[in-house]
Protein backbone atom coordinates (compact mmCIF):
# COMPACT_ATOMS: atom_id res chain seq x y z
CA MET A 1 46.70 30.74 35.24
CA VAL A 2 44.14 28.22 33.26
CA ASP A 3 44.05 25.14 35.92
CA GLN A 4 42.98 28.65 37.94
CA ILE A 5 40.23 29.31 35.39
CA PHE A 6 39.13 25.45 33.72
CA ARG A 7 39.60 22.66 36.07
CA LEU A 8 37.67 18.56 35.41
CA VAL A 9 37.24 17.98 39.03
CA GLY A 10 36.52 14.63 41.45
CA PRO A 11 35.68 11.00 39.72
CA ASN A 12 33.98 11.61 37.15
CA ARG A 13 36.45 14.74 36.10
CA ALA A 14 33.28 17.52 35.46
CA VAL A 15 33.53 21.03 34.64
CA GLU A 16 35.13 23.41 36.71
CA ILE A 17 35.74 27.33 35.81
CA PHE A 18 36.19 29.39 37.86
CA GLY A 19 35.79 26.87 40.92
CA VAL A 20 31.97 27.24 40.43
CA LYS A 21 31.03 22.96 39.29
CA LEU A 22 28.76 22.64 35.56
CA VAL A 23 26.23 20.04 36.55
CA GLY A 24 25.93 17.22 34.43
CA VAL A 25 29.28 18.99 32.13
CA HIS A 26 31.40 15.94 32.95
CA ALA A 27 34.35 13.51 30.55
CA VAL A 28 31.71 10.65 30.24
CA ASN A 29 28.38 13.37 29.17
CA VAL A 30 31.65 15.38 26.29
CA LYS A 31 31.91 12.35 24.96
CA LYS A 32 28.51 10.90 24.12
CA PHE A 33 27.85 14.58 22.98
CA LEU A 34 30.91 14.31 20.58
CA PHE A 35 29.88 10.99 19.61
CA SER A 36 26.08 11.99 19.11
CA ILE A 37 27.43 14.73 16.72
CA LEU A 38 28.98 12.12 14.21
CA PHE A 39 25.86 9.76 14.43
CA ILE A 40 24.14 11.98 13.08
CA LEU A 41 26.72 13.66 10.43
CA LEU A 42 26.95 9.84 9.02
CA ILE A 43 23.41 9.57 9.21
CA LEU A 44 22.89 12.63 6.82
CA PHE A 45 25.46 11.49 4.57
CA ILE A 46 24.01 7.85 3.95
CA GLY A 47 20.86 9.78 3.30
CA PHE A 48 22.48 11.94 1.55
CA LEU A 49 23.81 9.07 -0.98
CA LEU A 50 20.89 6.45 -1.04
CA ARG A 51 18.65 10.07 -2.12
CA ARG A 52 21.24 10.57 -4.81
CA PHE A 53 21.58 6.60 -5.84
CA LEU A 54 17.67 6.46 -5.86
CA THR A 55 17.38 10.11 -8.41
CA ARG A 56 19.36 8.07 -10.39
CA SER A 57 17.65 4.55 -10.73
CA PHE A 58 14.73 6.57 -11.29
CA VAL A 59 15.57 8.20 -13.70
CA ASN A 60 12.25 7.12 -16.02
CA ARG A 61 8.94 8.83 -15.38
CA ARG A 62 7.00 5.00 -15.18
CA TRP A 63 9.24 4.98 -11.59
CA GLN A 64 8.29 8.54 -10.24
CA ARG A 65 5.69 7.14 -7.75
CA ARG A 66 8.15 4.03 -7.03
CA ALA A 67 10.54 6.05 -5.87
CA PHE A 68 8.75 8.50 -3.87
CA TRP A 69 7.67 5.60 -2.11
CA THR A 70 11.23 4.40 -2.13
CA ARG A 71 12.36 7.89 0.18
CA GLN A 72 10.12 7.77 2.60
CA GLY A 73 10.70 4.09 3.27
CA ILE A 74 14.49 5.54 2.93
CA THR A 75 13.24 8.05 5.07
CA ILE A 76 11.19 6.22 8.00
CA PHE A 77 13.94 4.05 8.43
CA LEU A 78 16.76 6.45 9.08
CA ALA A 79 14.77 8.78 11.13
CA LEU A 80 13.97 4.76 13.66
CA ILE A 81 18.14 4.07 13.98
CA LEU A 82 19.60 7.98 14.85
CA ILE A 83 16.02 7.54 17.47
CA LEU A 84 17.78 4.02 18.72
CA GLY A 85 21.41 5.33 18.20
CA LEU A 86 20.89 8.30 20.12
CA ALA A 87 19.37 6.50 22.72
CA SER A 88 21.54 4.02 23.21
CA ILE A 89 24.60 6.27 23.74
CA TRP A 90 22.81 8.71 26.76
CA PHE A 91 20.62 5.63 28.30
CA ASP A 92 23.08 2.01 29.58
CA ASP A 93 20.97 1.61 31.96
CA PRO A 94 17.06 0.77 31.22
CA GLY A 95 15.66 1.95 34.05
CA ARG A 96 16.75 5.60 33.47
CA LEU A 97 15.89 5.25 29.34
CA THR A 98 11.75 4.21 30.15
CA THR A 99 11.90 6.51 33.20
CA ALA A 100 13.87 9.41 30.71
CA LEU A 101 11.09 8.72 27.58
CA GLY A 102 7.55 8.96 29.03
CA LEU A 103 8.70 12.60 30.52
CA LEU A 104 10.01 12.97 27.14
CA THR A 105 6.26 11.60 25.82
CA ALA A 106 4.47 13.73 27.85
CA ALA A 107 6.37 17.34 27.79
CA LEU A 108 6.01 16.88 23.69
CA VAL A 109 2.77 16.23 23.88
CA PHE A 110 1.77 19.11 25.43
CA ALA A 111 4.11 21.13 23.65
CA LEU A 112 4.42 19.99 19.93
CA GLN A 113 0.54 19.16 19.46
CA LYS A 114 0.19 20.75 16.09
CA VAL A 115 3.54 18.26 14.73
CA ILE A 116 2.03 15.33 16.57
CA THR A 117 -0.83 15.81 14.32
CA ALA A 118 1.05 16.38 11.38
CA LEU A 119 3.21 13.32 11.50
CA ALA A 120 0.34 11.42 12.62
CA GLY A 121 -1.12 12.58 9.44
CA TYR A 122 2.00 12.04 6.86
CA PHE A 123 0.95 8.45 8.08
CA ILE A 124 -2.04 8.42 7.64
CA ILE A 125 -1.35 9.59 4.12
CA LEU A 126 1.15 6.75 4.32
CA ARG A 127 -1.13 4.03 4.99
CA GLY A 128 -4.35 5.41 3.78
CA LYS A 129 -3.62 6.17 0.65
CA THR A 130 -4.65 9.14 0.36
CA PHE A 131 -2.68 10.69 -2.48
CA ASN A 132 0.36 9.77 -4.33
CA VAL A 133 3.41 12.65 -5.73
CA GLY A 134 1.98 12.70 -8.45
CA ASP A 135 -1.62 12.65 -8.16
CA ARG A 136 -4.36 15.80 -8.10
CA ILE A 137 -5.75 17.26 -4.78
CA ARG A 138 -7.35 19.96 -2.86
CA MET A 139 -5.87 20.31 0.76
CA GLY A 140 -5.59 22.65 3.09
CA GLY A 141 -8.13 25.56 1.01
CA VAL A 142 -5.12 24.41 -2.06
CA ARG A 143 -5.12 23.09 -5.33
CA GLY A 144 -2.91 21.45 -7.47
CA ASP A 145 -0.89 18.48 -8.48
CA VAL A 146 1.84 16.92 -4.90
CA ILE A 147 5.55 17.27 -5.51
CA ALA A 148 7.07 16.01 -2.20
CA LEU A 149 5.80 14.86 0.32
CA SER A 150 7.69 15.40 4.19
CA LEU A 151 6.85 14.19 7.71
CA MET A 152 5.72 17.63 8.77
CA GLN A 153 4.45 19.42 5.25
CA THR A 154 2.66 18.25 1.88
CA THR A 155 4.41 20.27 -1.21
CA ILE A 156 1.53 21.30 -3.80
CA MET A 157 2.34 23.29 -7.83
CA GLU A 158 -0.88 25.21 -6.85
CA MET A 159 -3.44 25.55 -9.93
CA GLY A 160 -5.84 27.86 -10.80
CA GLN A 161 -9.56 27.42 -10.51
CA PRO A 162 -12.87 27.43 -13.12
CA LEU A 163 -15.01 29.58 -13.12
CA PRO A 164 -17.48 28.39 -11.56
CA VAL A 165 -15.05 28.24 -7.80
CA GLN A 166 -13.30 31.31 -8.81
CA GLN A 167 -14.04 33.65 -5.98
CA ASP A 168 -13.12 30.43 -3.78
CA GLU A 169 -10.06 32.08 -1.32
CA PRO A 170 -7.44 32.32 -1.35
CA ALA A 171 -7.37 34.93 -4.64
CA MET A 172 -6.79 33.74 -8.46
CA TRP A 173 -5.62 34.91 -11.55
CA VAL A 174 -5.72 31.94 -13.62
CA GLN A 175 -8.63 30.96 -14.48
CA SER A 176 -8.46 27.28 -15.48
CA ARG A 177 -7.46 24.15 -14.34
CA GLN A 178 -3.55 25.39 -14.97
CA TYR A 179 -0.56 25.84 -13.28
CA THR A 180 -0.10 29.27 -11.17
CA GLY A 181 3.48 29.24 -10.62
CA ARG A 182 3.03 29.07 -7.32
CA ILE A 183 4.47 26.09 -4.35
CA VAL A 184 2.46 25.63 -1.28
CA SER A 185 3.32 24.45 1.84
CA VAL A 186 0.21 22.06 3.35
CA SER A 187 0.98 21.00 6.74
CA ASN A 188 0.06 17.30 6.79
CA ALA A 189 -2.10 17.97 9.94
CA GLN A 190 -5.36 19.20 7.81
CA ILE A 191 -5.97 15.72 6.44
CA PHE A 192 -8.21 15.02 10.29
CA GLU A 193 -9.35 19.00 9.46
CA GLU A 194 -11.36 19.10 6.42
CA PRO A 195 -11.51 16.71 3.47
CA VAL A 196 -8.98 16.03 0.90
CA TYR A 197 -10.48 15.65 -2.94
CA ASN A 198 -8.31 13.29 -5.19
CA TYR A 199 -8.97 14.10 -8.79
CA THR A 200 -6.24 10.92 -10.22
CA LEU A 201 -6.50 8.13 -7.02
CA TYR A 202 -7.32 4.35 -9.45
CA PHE A 203 -9.61 6.58 -12.03
CA PRO A 204 -6.87 9.34 -12.91
CA TYR A 205 -9.94 11.35 -15.40
CA ILE A 206 -12.80 13.54 -14.63
CA TRP A 207 -16.35 14.59 -16.08
CA GLU A 208 -16.63 17.73 -17.05
CA GLU A 209 -19.62 19.63 -18.62
CA MET A 210 -19.74 22.97 -20.98
CA VAL A 211 -22.93 24.79 -21.52
CA VAL A 212 -24.35 26.44 -24.69
CA PRO A 213 -27.14 28.18 -24.68
CA VAL A 214 -29.10 28.01 -28.27
CA HIS A 215 -31.46 30.19 -29.62
CA TYR A 216 -35.14 29.00 -29.76
CA ARG A 217 -35.45 29.31 -33.21
CA SER A 218 -32.06 27.19 -33.81
CA ASN A 219 -32.16 23.32 -35.19
CA ARG A 220 -32.17 22.59 -31.85
CA ALA A 221 -31.94 18.55 -33.00
CA GLU A 222 -28.81 20.04 -35.54
CA ALA A 223 -27.61 22.22 -32.96
CA GLU A 224 -27.17 18.90 -30.25
CA ARG A 225 -25.30 16.58 -33.97
CA ILE A 226 -22.74 18.59 -33.89
CA MET A 227 -21.68 19.16 -30.28
CA LEU A 228 -22.36 15.73 -29.99
CA GLU A 229 -19.67 15.12 -32.93
CA ALA A 230 -17.60 17.51 -31.52
CA ALA A 231 -17.18 16.18 -28.45
CA ARG A 232 -16.60 12.74 -29.47
CA ARG A 233 -14.20 13.20 -31.16
CA HIS A 234 -12.34 14.26 -29.68
CA THR A 235 -12.69 12.47 -26.23
CA VAL A 236 -13.17 8.46 -28.15
CA SER A 237 -9.58 7.20 -27.16
CA LEU A 238 -10.09 8.83 -23.32
CA SER A 239 -13.68 6.79 -23.09
CA GLU A 240 -12.16 4.03 -23.59
CA LEU A 241 -8.87 4.07 -22.17
CA SER A 242 -11.58 4.26 -18.73
CA GLU A 243 -12.62 1.58 -18.62
CA SER A 244 -10.13 -0.57 -17.79
CA ASP A 245 -9.82 2.00 -14.70
CA LEU A 246 -13.57 2.45 -14.22
CA LYS A 247 -13.30 -0.80 -14.05
CA GLU A 248 -10.94 -1.57 -11.43
CA LEU A 249 -12.91 1.50 -9.36
CA LYS A 250 -16.11 -1.29 -9.28
CA ARG A 251 -13.37 -3.47 -7.98
CA ARG A 252 -12.34 -1.48 -5.11
CA TYR A 253 -15.39 0.61 -4.00
CA PHE A 254 -19.99 0.00 -3.56
CA LEU A 255 -20.01 1.92 -7.20
CA ARG A 256 -22.52 1.97 -9.79
CA SER A 257 -21.68 2.26 -13.79
CA ALA A 258 -21.40 5.30 -15.44
CA ASP A 259 -21.71 6.41 -19.05
CA LEU A 260 -17.77 7.23 -20.62
CA ARG A 261 -19.79 8.73 -23.61
CA PRO A 262 -21.03 11.77 -24.84
CA ARG A 263 -23.55 13.24 -23.06
CA VAL A 264 -26.85 16.84 -24.01
CA TYR A 265 -28.62 17.74 -21.74
CA TRP A 266 -31.65 20.19 -22.60
CA ARG A 267 -32.82 23.04 -20.17
CA LEU A 268 -35.77 25.52 -20.55
CA THR A 269 -35.19 28.99 -18.82
CA ASP A 270 -37.40 32.80 -19.95
CA ASN A 271 -34.60 33.04 -22.50
CA TRP A 272 -33.01 30.08 -24.12
CA LEU A 273 -32.91 26.67 -24.24
CA GLU A 274 -29.87 25.86 -22.66
CA MET A 275 -27.49 23.10 -24.24
CA SER A 276 -25.04 20.97 -21.22
CA MET A 277 -22.90 18.55 -22.64
CA ARG A 278 -20.93 16.30 -20.07
CA PHE A 279 -17.68 14.35 -21.39
CA ILE A 280 -15.03 12.64 -20.04
CA ALA A 281 -11.68 13.79 -19.82
CA ARG A 282 -7.58 13.60 -18.58
CA ASP A 283 -7.41 15.26 -14.55
CA SER A 284 -4.89 17.72 -16.66
CA GLY A 285 -4.61 19.47 -19.88
CA ILE A 286 -8.91 19.98 -19.70
CA ARG A 287 -7.96 23.92 -20.84
CA GLU A 288 -6.62 22.93 -24.17
CA LEU A 289 -9.28 19.82 -24.87
CA LYS A 290 -12.53 22.56 -24.01
CA ASP A 291 -10.50 24.52 -26.70
CA ALA A 292 -10.58 22.46 -29.66
CA ILE A 293 -14.37 21.34 -28.73
CA SER A 294 -15.60 25.10 -28.36
CA ARG A 295 -13.99 26.22 -31.88
CA GLU A 296 -15.67 23.14 -33.37
CA ILE A 297 -18.47 23.77 -31.89
CA LEU A 298 -18.41 27.26 -33.25
CA GLN A 299 -16.64 26.30 -36.75
CA GLY A 300 -20.40 24.28 -36.93
CA PHE A 301 -22.69 25.97 -35.94
CA ASP A 302 -21.31 28.80 -37.93
CA GLU A 303 -22.33 25.98 -41.36
CA ALA A 304 -25.98 25.58 -40.27
CA GLY A 305 -26.74 29.26 -39.02
CA ILE A 306 -27.35 28.15 -35.76
CA GLU A 307 -27.34 31.24 -33.59
CA ILE A 308 -26.28 31.47 -30.00
CA SER A 309 -27.88 33.56 -27.25
CA SER A 310 -27.27 35.89 -25.27
CA ALA A 311 -28.56 38.19 -22.43
CA THR A 312 -27.67 41.33 -24.40
CA MET A 313 -30.89 43.27 -25.26
CA GLU A 314 -32.00 44.13 -28.52
CA VAL A 315 -33.97 46.98 -29.40
CA VAL A 316 -37.07 46.53 -31.78
CA GLY A 317 -38.44 50.00 -32.78
CA LEU A 318 -38.60 53.76 -31.43
CA PRO A 319 -41.96 56.12 -30.56
CA PRO A 320 -41.65 58.92 -33.32
CA LEU A 321 -40.19 61.68 -32.82
CA ARG A 322 -41.51 65.20 -33.48
CA ILE A 323 -39.29 68.17 -32.81
CA HIS A 324 -40.09 72.15 -32.36
CA PRO A 325 -37.84 74.69 -33.01
CA LYS A 326 -37.75 77.57 -29.92
CA GLY A 327 -40.65 78.91 -28.96
CA GLU A 328 -42.29 77.75 -31.11
CA ASP A 329 -46.26 76.11 -28.89
CA GLU A 330 -46.34 72.71 -29.34
């Protein structure tokens, strides 16, 4: 009964079901298929063991980036071993292998254009040092810290947007550069579509500004002194640390000298004197830094009697009002 349903026929022992011979399904191919499954499972198991070993070995945060690049190297190495191993199992004739690879490459290029572009983006990121794990970037319209990088996607822990760019897409409810809690996956192909902004590559500092409108009748020189003292007190260590990073940035790129000390710029307006204070800050913790500086500036302004202007309207006088009883002539 079983022989009538399922049989192995011919010199290659091809599979025949209900008298219908299945093309390409014979004992040799079945053995190759089973061996391929075992080979894939073995590669996955080796990759799992190596990643577990890395996780336990690089527990110190200082080795985070080294562990990341080591993990990427293991992924690429195992992928190459997997491709070469499967090709060796299925194509024992070099002529057939060359023909099959040519047809397969043409089909993949046509059908998987986005995937191939993302894969190319992955190697550009690795080779071009566009960003590293832990860097704060803007990519594909997403701002945040890079927490993972795979062959196809970059995973970003999203952060909020400052008020000047609060209207940018996507909509944001956090009004500062702090985590929103959303984890966003961005295709690596985005590096070919738009610029990638990196906040931390070689120079983990950015220049920030705070704008304070001061009344023209206030002591402007004293207001500037209070602002500069507050900024210097909170950024003196940053200015010292960033000197070496700035030298490294100048060594790698053509960059003009930049002043790392806090400075206040004046601008005349119709309503008040706009005092813009520029200072250096780390790529993270900016909200806390600006909060501390703002509190100190307000305290100093209150003690010095300096007024902060606003766009509110002040009514300085009213015309006299005359009230007449009903029916009485004016």
